Amino acid sequence: MQIPPAFSSQILLERINYLATTTLRGSLIKHFENALYALKYHLEKTIPKGGVICAIYPKTILQTILPELAKKKNCKVKLIGGTPEIIKILKEKEILTETEKADIYLTEPDGFNEEGAYVRPHETDILMNHETIAIGSIYQWADVAPSTHDSVPISKIITETGICSPEQLKESLSLFFQ
């Protein structure tokens, strides 16, 4: 099954492979085609106009939608752990900064849980020091922590269904997956 390349979290891909055996594949593909637009919409509501955004270990979703939104809202982007691809894109758009204090902190974890998010151990320390907003798909919810990840608190989560706290996301899961 082919979903948009912006969705690359291992937890998400494992869940999709499982769901593809129990759900119509076409509906999952359509969901993820629309999910990127929804994530972009909700992220745009979150980003302050003219602000400084710190993207902590951005992955494919943030790499896909953050540069365009930051440019549109006249923001600067500070990276912690960015890939060469996102650095190049941000430099081309002339919105990359290294010295400014951030107004908002964003991350793209591998999964979500009741307390917040699952991240790789090298991401944990920096995320524990900032009130961070996470972005990803509602399908990245995992009740069981992967042994390769740490759980960190997150203030808000942006998914294709909206902006919420980890507790609110757990409550909405039962409605979403009916």
C-alpha atoms as a PDB file:
ATOM      1  CA  MET A   1       0.000   0.000   0.000  1.00  0.00           C
ATOM      2  CA  GLN A   2       1.368   3.420  -0.950  1.00  0.00           C
ATOM      3  CA  ILE A   3       0.734   6.360   1.388  1.00  0.00           C
ATOM      4  CA  PRO A   4       2.185   9.853   0.893  1.00  0.00           C
ATOM      5  CA  PRO A   5       5.922   9.872   1.726  1.00  0.00           C
ATOM      6  CA  ALA A   6       5.429  12.556   4.397  1.00  0.00           C
ATOM      7  CA  PHE A   7       4.144   9.830   6.716  1.00  0.00           C
ATOM      8  CA  SER A   8       7.257   7.837   7.628  1.00  0.00           C
ATOM      9  CA  SER A   9       7.045   7.058  11.366  1.00  0.00           C
ATOM     10  CA  GLN A  10       7.843   3.390  12.005  1.00  0.00           C
ATOM     11  CA  ILE A  11       4.982   3.114  14.519  1.00  0.00           C
ATOM     12  CA  LEU A  12       2.603   4.543  11.928  1.00  0.00           C
ATOM     13  CA  LEU A  13       3.820   2.252   9.149  1.00  0.00           C
ATOM     14  CA  GLU A  14       3.425  -0.842  11.335  1.00  0.00           C
ATOM     15  CA  ARG A  15      -0.116   0.201  12.266  1.00  0.00           C
ATOM     16  CA  ILE A  16      -1.019   0.883   8.636  1.00  0.00           C
ATOM     17  CA  ASN A  17       0.292  -2.514   7.538  1.00  0.00           C
ATOM     18  CA  TYR A  18      -1.894  -4.132  10.194  1.00  0.00           C
ATOM     19  CA  LEU A  19      -4.937  -2.039   9.284  1.00  0.00           C
ATOM     20  CA  ALA A  20      -4.480  -2.746   5.587  1.00  0.00           C
ATOM     21  CA  THR A  21      -5.306  -6.368   6.309  1.00  0.00           C
ATOM     22  CA  THR A  22      -8.515  -5.460   8.163  1.00  0.00           C
ATOM     23  CA  THR A  23      -9.691  -2.283   6.392  1.00  0.00           C
ATOM     24  CA  LEU A  24     -10.267  -1.287   2.814  1.00  0.00           C
ATOM     25  CA  ARG A  25      -6.916  -0.136   1.441  1.00  0.00           C
ATOM     26  CA  GLY A  26      -8.469   2.576  -0.678  1.00  0.00           C
ATOM     27  CA  SER A  27     -10.014   4.281   2.325  1.00  0.00           C
ATOM     28  CA  LEU A  28      -6.653   4.332   4.138  1.00  0.00           C
ATOM     29  CA  ILE A  29      -4.880   5.785   1.110  1.00  0.00           C
ATOM     30  CA  LYS A  30      -7.560   8.466   0.739  1.00  0.00           C
ATOM     31  CA  HIS A  31      -7.320   9.223   4.466  1.00  0.00           C
ATOM     32  CA  PHE A  32      -3.589   9.958   4.262  1.00  0.00           C
ATOM     33  CA  GLU A  33      -3.918  12.015   1.102  1.00  0.00           C
ATOM     34  CA  ASN A  34      -6.388  14.246   2.982  1.00  0.00           C
ATOM     35  CA  ALA A  35      -4.494  14.055   6.285  1.00  0.00           C
ATOM     36  CA  LEU A  36      -1.579  16.119   5.023  1.00  0.00           C
ATOM     37  CA  TYR A  37      -3.935  18.973   4.117  1.00  0.00           C
ATOM     38  CA  ALA A  38      -5.593  18.759   7.518  1.00  0.00           C
ATOM     39  CA  LEU A  39      -2.247  18.764   9.348  1.00  0.00           C
ATOM     40  CA  LYS A  40      -1.179  21.811   7.354  1.00  0.00           C
ATOM     41  CA  TYR A  41      -4.441  23.597   8.215  1.00  0.00           C
ATOM     42  CA  HIS A  42      -4.128  22.906  11.954  1.00  0.00           C
ATOM     43  CA  LEU A  43      -0.410  23.768  12.035  1.00  0.00           C
ATOM     44  CA  GLU A  44      -1.125  27.076  10.312  1.00  0.00           C
ATOM     45  CA  LYS A  45      -3.588  27.960  13.107  1.00  0.00           C
ATOM     46  CA  THR A  46      -0.882  27.197  15.688  1.00  0.00           C
ATOM     47  CA  ILE A  47       2.052  29.146  14.229  1.00  0.00           C
ATOM     48  CA  PRO A  48       2.250  32.809  15.346  1.00  0.00           C
ATOM     49  CA  LYS A  49       2.515  35.318  12.524  1.00  0.00           C
ATOM     50  CA  GLY A  50       6.018  36.808  12.380  1.00  0.00           C
ATOM     51  CA  GLY A  51       7.261  34.461  15.095  1.00  0.00           C
ATOM     52  CA  VAL A  52      10.251  32.198  15.514  1.00  0.00           C
ATOM     53  CA  ILE A  53       9.568  28.475  15.292  1.00  0.00           C
ATOM     54  CA  CYS A  54      11.969  25.944  16.753  1.00  0.00           C
ATOM     55  CA  ALA A  55      11.593  22.597  15.002  1.00  0.00           C
ATOM     56  CA  ILE A  56      13.114  19.883  17.182  1.00  0.00           C
ATOM     57  CA  TYR A  57      14.157  16.809  15.199  1.00  0.00           C
ATOM     58  CA  PRO A  58      11.739  17.491  12.324  1.00  0.00           C
ATOM     59  CA  LYS A  59      10.964  14.520  10.144  1.00  0.00           C
ATOM     60  CA  THR A  60       9.011  14.106   6.921  1.00  0.00           C
ATOM     61  CA  ILE A  61       5.719  15.769   7.856  1.00  0.00           C
ATOM     62  CA  LEU A  62       7.357  18.961   9.119  1.00  0.00           C
ATOM     63  CA  GLN A  63       9.821  18.899   6.220  1.00  0.00           C
ATOM     64  CA  THR A  64       6.879  18.762   3.833  1.00  0.00           C
ATOM     65  CA  ILE A  65       4.631  21.482   5.298  1.00  0.00           C
ATOM     66  CA  LEU A  66       6.624  23.734   7.662  1.00  0.00           C
ATOM     67  CA  PRO A  67       8.789  25.685   5.155  1.00  0.00           C
ATOM     68  CA  GLU A  68       5.801  26.868   3.113  1.00  0.00           C
ATOM     69  CA  LEU A  69       3.750  27.784   6.188  1.00  0.00           C
ATOM     70  CA  ALA A  70       6.642  29.598   7.873  1.00  0.00           C
ATOM     71  CA  LYS A  71       7.307  31.654   4.742  1.00  0.00           C
ATOM     72  CA  LYS A  72       3.593  32.423   4.344  1.00  0.00           C
ATOM     73  CA  LYS A  73       3.328  33.627   7.966  1.00  0.00           C
ATOM     74  CA  ASN A  74       6.614  35.586   7.802  1.00  0.00           C
ATOM     75  CA  CYS A  75       8.291  33.355  10.410  1.00  0.00           C
ATOM     76  CA  LYS A  76      11.873  32.303  10.996  1.00  0.00           C
ATOM     77  CA  VAL A  77      12.704  28.662  11.712  1.00  0.00           C
ATOM     78  CA  LYS A  78      15.372  27.441  14.099  1.00  0.00           C
ATOM     79  CA  LEU A  79      16.321  23.767  13.757  1.00  0.00           C
ATOM     80  CA  ILE A  80      17.572  21.303  16.312  1.00  0.00           C
ATOM     81  CA  GLY A  81      18.545  18.091  14.589  1.00  0.00           C
ATOM     82  CA  GLY A  82      17.315  18.976  11.116  1.00  0.00           C
ATOM     83  CA  THR A  83      18.052  16.907   8.032  1.00  0.00           C
ATOM     84  CA  PRO A  84      20.166  18.291   5.177  1.00  0.00           C
ATOM     85  CA  GLU A  85      17.002  18.418   3.052  1.00  0.00           C
ATOM     86  CA  ILE A  86      15.044  20.692   5.392  1.00  0.00           C
ATOM     87  CA  ILE A  87      18.109  22.891   6.008  1.00  0.00           C
ATOM     88  CA  LYS A  88      18.458  23.381   2.244  1.00  0.00           C
ATOM     89  CA  ILE A  89      14.752  24.204   1.823  1.00  0.00           C
ATOM     90  CA  LEU A  90      14.745  26.715   4.695  1.00  0.00           C
ATOM     91  CA  LYS A  91      17.925  28.412   3.406  1.00  0.00           C
ATOM     92  CA  GLU A  92      16.419  28.716  -0.074  1.00  0.00           C
ATOM     93  CA  LYS A  93      13.331  30.377   1.422  1.00  0.00           C
ATOM     94  CA  GLU A  94      15.639  32.585   3.552  1.00  0.00           C
ATOM     95  CA  ILE A  95      13.830  31.702   6.783  1.00  0.00           C
ATOM     96  CA  LEU A  96      16.470  29.644   8.599  1.00  0.00           C
ATOM     97  CA  THR A  97      17.821  31.218  11.789  1.00  0.00           C
ATOM     98  CA  GLU A  98      20.270  29.994  14.405  1.00  0.00           C
ATOM     99  CA  THR A  99      20.370  32.646  17.078  1.00  0.00           C
ATOM    100  CA  GLU A 100      16.845  33.745  17.861  1.00  0.00           C
ATOM    101  CA  LYS A 101      14.795  32.587  20.855  1.00  0.00           C
ATOM    102  CA  ALA A 102      11.758  30.627  19.733  1.00  0.00           C
ATOM    103  CA  ASP A 103       8.117  31.563  20.300  1.00  0.00           C
ATOM    104  CA  ILE A 104       6.907  28.009  19.668  1.00  0.00           C
ATOM    105  CA  TYR A 105       8.544  24.567  19.799  1.00  0.00           C
ATOM    106  CA  LEU A 106       7.443  21.828  17.406  1.00  0.00           C
ATOM    107  CA  THR A 107       8.456  18.193  17.093  1.00  0.00           C
ATOM    108  CA  GLU A 108       7.413  15.215  15.047  1.00  0.00           C
ATOM    109  CA  PRO A 109       7.526  12.150  17.288  1.00  0.00           C
ATOM    110  CA  ASP A 110       7.342   8.542  16.174  1.00  0.00           C
ATOM    111  CA  GLY A 111       4.183   7.907  18.182  1.00  0.00           C
ATOM    112  CA  PHE A 112       1.696   9.207  20.734  1.00  0.00           C
ATOM    113  CA  ASN A 113       0.529   7.930  24.111  1.00  0.00           C
ATOM    114  CA  GLU A 114      -1.532   9.032  27.091  1.00  0.00           C
ATOM    115  CA  GLU A 115       1.320  11.087  28.595  1.00  0.00           C
ATOM    116  CA  GLY A 116       2.582  12.612  25.371  1.00  0.00           C
ATOM    117  CA  ALA A 117       4.853  11.189  22.704  1.00  0.00           C
ATOM    118  CA  TYR A 118       7.301   8.418  21.894  1.00  0.00           C
ATOM    119  CA  VAL A 119      10.675   9.731  20.782  1.00  0.00           C
ATOM    120  CA  ARG A 120      14.128   8.296  20.273  1.00  0.00           C
ATOM    121  CA  PRO A 121      16.431   8.560  23.311  1.00  0.00           C
ATOM    122  CA  HIS A 122      18.691  11.219  21.732  1.00  0.00           C
ATOM    123  CA  GLU A 123      15.632  13.525  21.386  1.00  0.00           C
ATOM    124  CA  THR A 124      14.466  13.169  24.997  1.00  0.00           C
ATOM    125  CA  ASP A 125      16.666  15.704  26.831  1.00  0.00           C
ATOM    126  CA  ILE A 126      15.917  18.667  24.563  1.00  0.00           C
ATOM    127  CA  LEU A 127      12.180  17.905  24.513  1.00  0.00           C
ATOM    128  CA  MET A 128      12.043  17.702  28.318  1.00  0.00           C
ATOM    129  CA  ASN A 129      13.349  21.295  28.517  1.00  0.00           C
ATOM    130  CA  HIS A 130      10.632  22.928  26.383  1.00  0.00           C
ATOM    131  CA  GLU A 131       6.857  23.056  26.242  1.00  0.00           C
ATOM    132  CA  THR A 132       6.483  21.348  22.915  1.00  0.00           C
ATOM    133  CA  ILE A 133       3.710  20.813  20.392  1.00  0.00           C
ATOM    134  CA  ALA A 134       3.847  17.524  18.503  1.00  0.00           C
ATOM    135  CA  ILE A 135       2.527  16.847  15.023  1.00  0.00           C
ATOM    136  CA  GLY A 136       1.593  13.517  13.451  1.00  0.00           C
ATOM    137  CA  SER A 137      -1.218  11.214  12.462  1.00  0.00           C
ATOM    138  CA  ILE A 138      -3.857   9.920  14.833  1.00  0.00           C
ATOM    139  CA  TYR A 139      -2.815   6.477  13.563  1.00  0.00           C
ATOM    140  CA  GLN A 140       0.493   6.929  15.438  1.00  0.00           C
ATOM    141  CA  TRP A 141      -1.238   6.224  18.771  1.00  0.00           C
ATOM    142  CA  ALA A 142       0.372   3.258  20.530  1.00  0.00           C
ATOM    143  CA  ASP A 143      -0.715   1.850  23.889  1.00  0.00           C
ATOM    144  CA  VAL A 144       2.515  -0.108  24.281  1.00  0.00           C
ATOM    145  CA  ALA A 145       5.826   1.755  24.295  1.00  0.00           C
ATOM    146  CA  PRO A 146       8.386   0.547  21.778  1.00  0.00           C
ATOM    147  CA  SER A 147      11.531  -0.632  23.586  1.00  0.00           C
ATOM    148  CA  THR A 148      13.608   1.679  21.394  1.00  0.00           C
ATOM    149  CA  HIS A 149      11.775   4.867  22.449  1.00  0.00           C
ATOM    150  CA  ASP A 150      11.265   7.118  25.465  1.00  0.00           C
ATOM    151  CA  SER A 151       7.983   8.722  26.466  1.00  0.00           C
ATOM    152  CA  VAL A 152       8.057  12.515  26.903  1.00  0.00           C
ATOM    153  CA  PRO A 153       5.325  14.970  27.932  1.00  0.00           C
ATOM    154  CA  ILE A 154       3.823  17.094  25.157  1.00  0.00           C
ATOM    155  CA  SER A 155       1.626  20.152  25.705  1.00  0.00           C
ATOM    156  CA  LYS A 156      -0.487  19.755  22.557  1.00  0.00           C
ATOM    157  CA  ILE A 157      -0.797  17.353  19.672  1.00  0.00           C
ATOM    158  CA  ILE A 158      -1.713  18.329  16.123  1.00  0.00           C
ATOM    159  CA  THR A 159      -3.296  15.503  14.130  1.00  0.00           C
ATOM    160  CA  GLU A 160      -5.505  15.367  11.087  1.00  0.00           C
ATOM    161  CA  THR A 161      -8.492  15.496  13.457  1.00  0.00           C
ATOM    162  CA  GLY A 162      -7.464  18.741  15.168  1.00  0.00           C
ATOM    163  CA  ILE A 163      -5.393  20.224  17.990  1.00  0.00           C
ATOM    164  CA  CYS A 164      -5.720  18.607  21.408  1.00  0.00           C
ATOM    165  CA  SER A 165      -3.984  17.445  24.571  1.00  0.00           C
ATOM    166  CA  PRO A 166      -2.764  13.834  24.840  1.00  0.00           C
ATOM    167  CA  GLU A 167      -5.717  13.064  27.118  1.00  0.00           C
ATOM    168  CA  GLN A 168      -8.210  14.513  24.631  1.00  0.00           C
ATOM    169  CA  LEU A 169      -6.596  12.534  21.825  1.00  0.00           C
ATOM    170  CA  LYS A 170      -7.075   9.295  23.739  1.00  0.00           C
ATOM    171  CA  GLU A 171     -10.750  10.144  24.295  1.00  0.00           C
ATOM    172  CA  SER A 172     -11.293  10.923  20.619  1.00  0.00           C
ATOM    173  CA  LEU A 173      -9.667   7.662  19.474  1.00  0.00           C
ATOM    174  CA  SER A 174     -12.745   5.635  20.328  1.00  0.00           C
ATOM    175  CA  LEU A 175     -14.860   7.938  18.161  1.00  0.00           C
ATOM    176  CA  PHE A 176     -12.381   7.999  15.290  1.00  0.00           C
ATOM    177  CA  PHE A 177     -11.906   4.251  15.058  1.00  0.00           C
ATOM    178  CA  GLN A 178     -15.601   3.227  15.283  1.00  0.00           C
END
